[in-house]
């Protein structure tokens, strides 16, 4: 069984954030300087539920893992 593919903008919807292209670009600009020693889920701009979702996604290697990895790279400037 294959995992469903979620487009990147759907991750923003899942996190309860605006998911249009301009809003995503603005979010990445505003938060894209995350220090390398700060885990994505520990970033100070997440609400507790958002941080928990990100942690659980990576821990469980869920359907969203690829998109969360993509977000992590974008915010850490990788």
PDB file of N, CA and C in Angstrom:
ATOM      1  N   UNK A   1       0.844  -1.182   0.000  1.00  0.00           N
ATOM      2  CA  UNK A   1       0.000   0.000   0.000  1.00  0.00           C
ATOM      3  C   UNK A   1       0.887   1.241   0.000  1.00  0.00           C
ATOM      4  N   UNK A   2       0.588   2.184  -0.831  1.00  0.00           N
ATOM      5  CA  UNK A   2       1.374   3.406  -0.898  1.00  0.00           C
ATOM      6  C   UNK A   2       0.725   4.496  -0.057  1.00  0.00           C
ATOM      7  N   UNK A   3       1.568   5.384   0.423  1.00  0.00           N
ATOM      8  CA  UNK A   3       1.066   6.514   1.204  1.00  0.00           C
ATOM      9  C   UNK A   3       0.484   7.555   0.270  1.00  0.00           C
ATOM     10  N   UNK A   4      -0.557   8.242   0.705  1.00  0.00           N
ATOM     11  CA  UNK A   4      -1.109   9.301  -0.145  1.00  0.00           C
ATOM     12  C   UNK A   4      -0.116  10.446  -0.266  1.00  0.00           C
ATOM     13  N   UNK A   5      -0.133  11.097  -1.401  1.00  0.00           N
ATOM     14  CA  UNK A   5       0.722  12.263  -1.607  1.00  0.00           C
ATOM     15  C   UNK A   5      -0.071  13.510  -1.236  1.00  0.00           C
ATOM     16  N   UNK A   6       0.520  14.300  -0.367  1.00  0.00           N
ATOM     17  CA  UNK A   6      -0.113  15.561   0.029  1.00  0.00           C
ATOM     18  C   UNK A   6       0.697  16.706  -0.560  1.00  0.00           C
ATOM     19  N   UNK A   7       0.084  17.588  -1.332  1.00  0.00           N
ATOM     20  CA  UNK A   7       0.796  18.778  -1.800  1.00  0.00           C
ATOM     21  C   UNK A   7       1.231  19.628  -0.598  1.00  0.00           C
ATOM     22  N   UNK A   8       2.319  20.375  -0.781  1.00  0.00           N
ATOM     23  CA  UNK A   8       2.892  21.183   0.302  1.00  0.00           C
ATOM     24  C   UNK A   8       1.864  22.122   0.919  1.00  0.00           C
ATOM     25  N   UNK A   9       1.012  22.737   0.102  1.00  0.00           N
ATOM     26  CA  UNK A   9       0.041  23.692   0.655  1.00  0.00           C
ATOM     27  C   UNK A   9      -0.943  23.018   1.612  1.00  0.00           C
ATOM     28  N   UNK A  10      -1.181  21.713   1.444  1.00  0.00           N
ATOM     29  CA  UNK A  10      -2.103  21.014   2.348  1.00  0.00           C
ATOM     30  C   UNK A  10      -1.518  20.880   3.755  1.00  0.00           C
ATOM     31  N   UNK A  11      -0.194  20.884   3.867  1.00  0.00           N
ATOM     32  CA  UNK A  11       0.408  20.877   5.197  1.00  0.00           C
ATOM     33  C   UNK A  11       0.026  22.147   5.946  1.00  0.00           C
ATOM     34  N   UNK A  12       0.026  23.271   5.258  1.00  0.00           N
ATOM     35  CA  UNK A  12      -0.369  24.529   5.890  1.00  0.00           C
ATOM     36  C   UNK A  12      -1.833  24.475   6.313  1.00  0.00           C
ATOM     37  N   UNK A  13      -2.673  23.877   5.495  1.00  0.00           N
ATOM     38  CA  UNK A  13      -4.078  23.694   5.873  1.00  0.00           C
ATOM     39  C   UNK A  13      -4.168  22.817   7.119  1.00  0.00           C
ATOM     40  N   UNK A  14      -3.402  21.748   7.142  1.00  0.00           N
ATOM     41  CA  UNK A  14      -3.403  20.819   8.275  1.00  0.00           C
ATOM     42  C   UNK A  14      -2.970  21.535   9.563  1.00  0.00           C
ATOM     43  N   UNK A  15      -2.061  22.486   9.414  1.00  0.00           N
ATOM     44  CA  UNK A  15      -1.571  23.255  10.564  1.00  0.00           C
ATOM     45  C   UNK A  15      -2.484  24.431  10.920  1.00  0.00           C
ATOM     46  N   UNK A  16      -3.548  24.632  10.141  1.00  0.00           N
ATOM     47  CA  UNK A  16      -4.483  25.719  10.406  1.00  0.00           C
ATOM     48  C   UNK A  16      -3.953  27.076   9.968  1.00  0.00           C
ATOM     49  N   UNK A  17      -3.062  27.061   8.986  1.00  0.00           N
ATOM     50  CA  UNK A  17      -2.464  28.295   8.471  1.00  0.00           C
ATOM     51  C   UNK A  17      -3.007  28.593   7.083  1.00  0.00           C
ATOM     52  N   UNK A  18      -2.965  29.849   6.654  1.00  0.00           N
ATOM     53  CA  UNK A  18      -3.359  30.159   5.280  1.00  0.00           C
ATOM     54  C   UNK A  18      -2.488  29.364   4.309  1.00  0.00           C
ATOM     55  N   UNK A  19      -3.107  28.844   3.261  1.00  0.00           N
ATOM     56  CA  UNK A  19      -2.388  27.912   2.385  1.00  0.00           C
ATOM     57  C   UNK A  19      -2.262  28.382   0.943  1.00  0.00           C
ATOM     58  N   UNK A  20      -2.603  29.637   0.683  1.00  0.00           N
ATOM     59  CA  UNK A  20      -2.404  30.142  -0.679  1.00  0.00           C
ATOM     60  C   UNK A  20      -0.911  30.442  -0.859  1.00  0.00           C
ATOM     61  N   UNK A  21      -0.473  30.533  -2.101  1.00  0.00           N
ATOM     62  CA  UNK A  21       0.945  30.686  -2.411  1.00  0.00           C
ATOM     63  C   UNK A  21       1.570  31.914  -1.751  1.00  0.00           C
ATOM     64  N   UNK A  22       0.877  33.040  -1.760  1.00  0.00           N
ATOM     65  CA  UNK A  22       1.422  34.262  -1.157  1.00  0.00           C
ATOM     66  C   UNK A  22       1.593  34.112   0.350  1.00  0.00           C
ATOM     67  N   UNK A  23       0.622  33.485   1.003  1.00  0.00           N
ATOM     68  CA  UNK A  23       0.701  33.301   2.454  1.00  0.00           C
ATOM     69  C   UNK A  23       1.829  32.342   2.827  1.00  0.00           C
ATOM     70  N   UNK A  24       1.998  31.292   2.048  1.00  0.00           N
ATOM     71  CA  UNK A  24       3.085  30.349   2.312  1.00  0.00           C
ATOM     72  C   UNK A  24       4.428  31.050   2.131  1.00  0.00           C
ATOM     73  N   UNK A  25       4.583  31.798   1.061  1.00  0.00           N
ATOM     74  CA  UNK A  25       5.829  32.525   0.817  1.00  0.00           C
ATOM     75  C   UNK A  25       6.108  33.503   1.955  1.00  0.00           C
ATOM     76  N   UNK A  26       5.092  34.213   2.429  1.00  0.00           N
ATOM     77  CA  UNK A  26       5.250  35.163   3.533  1.00  0.00           C
ATOM     78  C   UNK A  26       5.670  34.432   4.808  1.00  0.00           C
ATOM     79  N   UNK A  27       5.027  33.304   5.098  1.00  0.00           N
ATOM     80  CA  UNK A  27       5.377  32.519   6.292  1.00  0.00           C
ATOM     81  C   UNK A  27       6.842  32.080   6.224  1.00  0.00           C
ATOM     82  N   UNK A  28       7.261  31.584   5.075  1.00  0.00           N
ATOM     83  CA  UNK A  28       8.643  31.118   4.927  1.00  0.00           C
ATOM     84  C   UNK A  28       9.629  32.276   5.060  1.00  0.00           C
ATOM     85  N   UNK A  29       9.286  33.453   4.542  1.00  0.00           N
ATOM     86  CA  UNK A  29      10.147  34.636   4.693  1.00  0.00           C
ATOM     87  C   UNK A  29      10.236  35.060   6.153  1.00  0.00           C
ATOM     88  N   UNK A  30       9.090  35.087   6.831  1.00  0.00           N
ATOM     89  CA  UNK A  30       9.043  35.572   8.213  1.00  0.00           C
ATOM     90  C   UNK A  30       9.736  34.627   9.190  1.00  0.00           C
ATOM     91  N   UNK A  31       9.704  33.331   8.905  1.00  0.00           N
ATOM     92  CA  UNK A  31      10.228  32.349   9.858  1.00  0.00           C
ATOM     93  C   UNK A  31      11.413  31.563   9.314  1.00  0.00           C
ATOM     94  N   UNK A  32      11.917  31.962   8.161  1.00  0.00           N
ATOM     95  CA  UNK A  32      12.943  31.195   7.481  1.00  0.00           C
ATOM     96  C   UNK A  32      14.345  31.327   8.009  1.00  0.00           C
ATOM     97  N   UNK A  33      14.516  31.896   9.172  1.00  0.00           N
ATOM     98  CA  UNK A  33      15.843  32.019   9.760  1.00  0.00           C
ATOM     99  C   UNK A  33      15.985  31.143  11.007  1.00  0.00           C
ATOM    100  N   UNK A  34      15.318  30.013  11.022  1.00  0.00           N
ATOM    101  CA  UNK A  34      15.334  29.126  12.182  1.00  0.00           C
ATOM    102  C   UNK A  34      16.755  28.585  12.387  1.00  0.00           C
ATOM    103  N   UNK A  35      17.336  28.800  13.575  1.00  0.00           N
ATOM    104  CA  UNK A  35      18.693  28.313  13.831  1.00  0.00           C
ATOM    105  C   UNK A  35      18.783  26.791  13.692  1.00  0.00           C
ATOM    106  N   UNK A  36      19.920  26.326  13.254  1.00  0.00           N
ATOM    107  CA  UNK A  36      20.126  24.898  13.028  1.00  0.00           C
ATOM    108  C   UNK A  36      19.963  24.035  14.257  1.00  0.00           C
ATOM    109  N   UNK A  37      20.184  24.606  15.438  1.00  0.00           N
ATOM    110  CA  UNK A  37      20.073  23.809  16.657  1.00  0.00           C
ATOM    111  C   UNK A  37      18.653  23.788  17.239  1.00  0.00           C
ATOM    112  N   UNK A  38      17.699  24.401  16.540  1.00  0.00           N
ATOM    113  CA  UNK A  38      16.301  24.413  16.992  1.00  0.00           C
ATOM    114  C   UNK A  38      15.501  23.451  16.116  1.00  0.00           C
ATOM    115  N   UNK A  39      14.947  22.437  16.733  1.00  0.00           N
ATOM    116  CA  UNK A  39      14.114  21.486  15.997  1.00  0.00           C
ATOM    117  C   UNK A  39      12.876  22.204  15.475  1.00  0.00           C
ATOM    118  N   UNK A  40      12.404  21.765  14.321  1.00  0.00           N
ATOM    119  CA  UNK A  40      11.224  22.395  13.720  1.00  0.00           C
ATOM    120  C   UNK A  40      10.079  22.497  14.716  1.00  0.00           C
ATOM    121  N   UNK A  41       9.779  21.421  15.405  1.00  0.00           N
ATOM    122  CA  UNK A  41       8.632  21.417  16.321  1.00  0.00           C
ATOM    123  C   UNK A  41       8.866  22.263  17.568  1.00  0.00           C
ATOM    124  N   UNK A  42      10.116  22.671  17.826  1.00  0.00           N
ATOM    125  CA  UNK A  42      10.431  23.512  18.987  1.00  0.00           C
ATOM    126  C   UNK A  42      10.479  24.998  18.649  1.00  0.00           C
ATOM    127  N   UNK A  43      10.215  25.342  17.394  1.00  0.00           N
ATOM    128  CA  UNK A  43      10.248  26.748  16.995  1.00  0.00           C
ATOM    129  C   UNK A  43       9.202  27.523  17.797  1.00  0.00           C
ATOM    130  N   UNK A  44       9.530  28.740  18.203  1.00  0.00           N
ATOM    131  CA  UNK A  44       8.645  29.493  19.104  1.00  0.00           C
ATOM    132  C   UNK A  44       7.347  29.994  18.475  1.00  0.00           C
ATOM    133  N   UNK A  45       7.215  29.912  17.166  1.00  0.00           N
ATOM    134  CA  UNK A  45       6.020  30.468  16.523  1.00  0.00           C
ATOM    135  C   UNK A  45       4.870  29.474  16.407  1.00  0.00           C
ATOM    136  N   UNK A  46       5.073  28.222  16.781  1.00  0.00           N
ATOM    137  CA  UNK A  46       3.984  27.234  16.690  1.00  0.00           C
ATOM    138  C   UNK A  46       3.085  27.297  17.914  1.00  0.00           C
ATOM    139  N   UNK A  47       1.815  27.064  17.695  1.00  0.00           N
ATOM    140  CA  UNK A  47       0.899  26.818  18.810  1.00  0.00           C
ATOM    141  C   UNK A  47       1.182  25.409  19.321  1.00  0.00           C
ATOM    142  N   UNK A  48       0.833  25.088  20.557  1.00  0.00           N
ATOM    143  CA  UNK A  48       1.114  23.756  21.087  1.00  0.00           C
ATOM    144  C   UNK A  48       0.572  22.616  20.214  1.00  0.00           C
ATOM    145  N   UNK A  49      -0.616  22.757  19.670  1.00  0.00           N
ATOM    146  CA  UNK A  49      -1.193  21.699  18.837  1.00  0.00           C
ATOM    147  C   UNK A  49      -0.411  21.535  17.529  1.00  0.00           C
ATOM    148  N   UNK A  50       0.062  22.644  16.972  1.00  0.00           N
ATOM    149  CA  UNK A  50       0.856  22.569  15.746  1.00  0.00           C
ATOM    150  C   UNK A  50       2.187  21.857  16.017  1.00  0.00           C
ATOM    151  N   UNK A  51       2.840  22.224  17.103  1.00  0.00           N
ATOM    152  CA  UNK A  51       4.114  21.605  17.470  1.00  0.00           C
ATOM    153  C   UNK A  51       3.927  20.106  17.709  1.00  0.00           C
ATOM    154  N   UNK A  52       2.851  19.737  18.377  1.00  0.00           N
ATOM    155  CA  UNK A  52       2.576  18.321  18.636  1.00  0.00           C
ATOM    156  C   UNK A  52       2.359  17.563  17.330  1.00  0.00           C
ATOM    157  N   UNK A  53       1.626  18.158  16.400  1.00  0.00           N
ATOM    158  CA  UNK A  53       1.402  17.521  15.106  1.00  0.00           C
ATOM    159  C   UNK A  53       2.735  17.285  14.391  1.00  0.00           C
ATOM    160  N   UNK A  54       3.596  18.290  14.373  1.00  0.00           N
ATOM    161  CA  UNK A  54       4.890  18.148  13.704  1.00  0.00           C
ATOM    162  C   UNK A  54       5.736  17.069  14.356  1.00  0.00           C
ATOM    163  N   UNK A  55       5.783  17.051  15.687  1.00  0.00           N
ATOM    164  CA  UNK A  55       6.545  16.022  16.415  1.00  0.00           C
ATOM    165  C   UNK A  55       6.014  14.629  16.108  1.00  0.00           C
ATOM    166  N   UNK A  56       4.699  14.464  16.221  1.00  0.00           N
ATOM    167  CA  UNK A  56       4.082  13.156  15.987  1.00  0.00           C
ATOM    168  C   UNK A  56       4.276  12.693  14.549  1.00  0.00           C
ATOM    169  N   UNK A  57       4.185  13.613  13.614  1.00  0.00           N
ATOM    170  CA  UNK A  57       4.359  13.276  12.201  1.00  0.00           C
ATOM    171  C   UNK A  57       5.726  12.661  11.963  1.00  0.00           C
ATOM    172  N   UNK A  58       6.754  13.295  12.488  1.00  0.00           N
ATOM    173  CA  UNK A  58       8.102  12.789  12.279  1.00  0.00           C
ATOM    174  C   UNK A  58       8.353  11.520  13.084  1.00  0.00           C
ATOM    175  N   UNK A  59       7.828  11.469  14.285  1.00  0.00           N
ATOM    176  CA  UNK A  59       8.021  10.287  15.137  1.00  0.00           C
ATOM    177  C   UNK A  59       7.350   9.049  14.543  1.00  0.00           C
ATOM    178  N   UNK A  60       6.173   9.222  13.992  1.00  0.00           N
ATOM    179  CA  UNK A  60       5.409   8.103  13.449  1.00  0.00           C
ATOM    180  C   UNK A  60       5.677   7.863  11.972  1.00  0.00           C
ATOM    181  N   UNK A  61       6.510   8.711  11.338  1.00  0.00           N
ATOM    182  CA  UNK A  61       6.778   8.619   9.904  1.00  0.00           C
ATOM    183  C   UNK A  61       5.454   8.519   9.142  1.00  0.00           C
ATOM    184  N   UNK A  62       4.582   9.481   9.406  1.00  0.00           N
ATOM    185  CA  UNK A  62       3.229   9.472   8.842  1.00  0.00           C
ATOM    186  C   UNK A  62       3.204   9.945   7.393  1.00  0.00           C
ATOM    187  N   UNK A  63       1.994   9.996   6.845  1.00  0.00           N
ATOM    188  CA  UNK A  63       1.775  10.458   5.472  1.00  0.00           C
ATOM    189  C   UNK A  63       2.310  11.866   5.248  1.00  0.00           C
ATOM    190  N   UNK A  64       2.411  12.632   6.296  1.00  0.00           N
ATOM    191  CA  UNK A  64       2.823  14.030   6.191  1.00  0.00           C
ATOM    192  C   UNK A  64       4.330  14.214   6.335  1.00  0.00           C
ATOM    193  N   UNK A  65       5.080  13.159   6.590  1.00  0.00           N
ATOM    194  CA  UNK A  65       6.516  13.279   6.880  1.00  0.00           C
ATOM    195  C   UNK A  65       7.292  13.992   5.779  1.00  0.00           C
ATOM    196  N   UNK A  66       7.001  13.681   4.543  1.00  0.00           N
ATOM    197  CA  UNK A  66       7.728  14.318   3.441  1.00  0.00           C
ATOM    198  C   UNK A  66       7.503  15.824   3.442  1.00  0.00           C
ATOM    199  N   UNK A  67       6.280  16.263   3.637  1.00  0.00           N
ATOM    200  CA  UNK A  67       5.974  17.684   3.633  1.00  0.00           C
ATOM    201  C   UNK A  67       6.581  18.377   4.852  1.00  0.00           C
ATOM    202  N   UNK A  68       6.579  17.700   5.998  1.00  0.00           N
ATOM    203  CA  UNK A  68       7.186  18.279   7.194  1.00  0.00           C
ATOM    204  C   UNK A  68       8.700  18.398   6.996  1.00  0.00           C
ATOM    205  N   UNK A  69       9.315  17.406   6.386  1.00  0.00           N
ATOM    206  CA  UNK A  69      10.753  17.503   6.058  1.00  0.00           C
ATOM    207  C   UNK A  69      11.013  18.681   5.126  1.00  0.00           C
ATOM    208  N   UNK A  70      10.154  18.856   4.153  1.00  0.00           N
ATOM    209  CA  UNK A  70      10.279  19.964   3.200  1.00  0.00           C
ATOM    210  C   UNK A  70      10.175  21.304   3.938  1.00  0.00           C
ATOM    211  N   UNK A  71       9.217  21.420   4.852  1.00  0.00           N
ATOM    212  CA  UNK A  71       9.056  22.637   5.638  1.00  0.00           C
ATOM    213  C   UNK A  71      10.280  22.870   6.518  1.00  0.00           C
ATOM    214  N   UNK A  72      10.772  21.812   7.127  1.00  0.00           N
ATOM    215  CA  UNK A  72      11.956  21.903   7.968  1.00  0.00           C
ATOM    216  C   UNK A  72      13.140  22.454   7.185  1.00  0.00           C
ATOM    217  N   UNK A  73      13.362  21.932   6.001  1.00  0.00           N
ATOM    218  CA  UNK A  73      14.470  22.399   5.160  1.00  0.00           C
ATOM    219  C   UNK A  73      14.282  23.865   4.776  1.00  0.00           C
ATOM    220  N   UNK A  74      13.060  24.228   4.430  1.00  0.00           N
ATOM    221  CA  UNK A  74      12.795  25.607   4.016  1.00  0.00           C
ATOM    222  C   UNK A  74      13.037  26.587   5.171  1.00  0.00           C
ATOM    223  N   UNK A  75      12.620  26.230   6.357  1.00  0.00           N
ATOM    224  CA  UNK A  75      12.760  27.145   7.502  1.00  0.00           C
ATOM    225  C   UNK A  75      14.176  27.190   8.055  1.00  0.00           C
ATOM    226  N   UNK A  76      14.938  26.127   7.831  1.00  0.00           N
ATOM    227  CA  UNK A  76      16.338  26.107   8.269  1.00  0.00           C
ATOM    228  C   UNK A  76      17.283  26.580   7.164  1.00  0.00           C
ATOM    229  N   UNK A  77      16.750  26.934   6.010  1.00  0.00           N
ATOM    230  CA  UNK A  77      17.583  27.429   4.926  1.00  0.00           C
ATOM    231  C   UNK A  77      18.453  26.367   4.289  1.00  0.00           C
ATOM    232  N   UNK A  78      17.975  25.135   4.290  1.00  0.00           N
ATOM    233  CA  UNK A  78      18.754  24.030   3.711  1.00  0.00           C
ATOM    234  C   UNK A  78      18.397  23.812   2.255  1.00  0.00           C
TER     235      UNK A  78
END
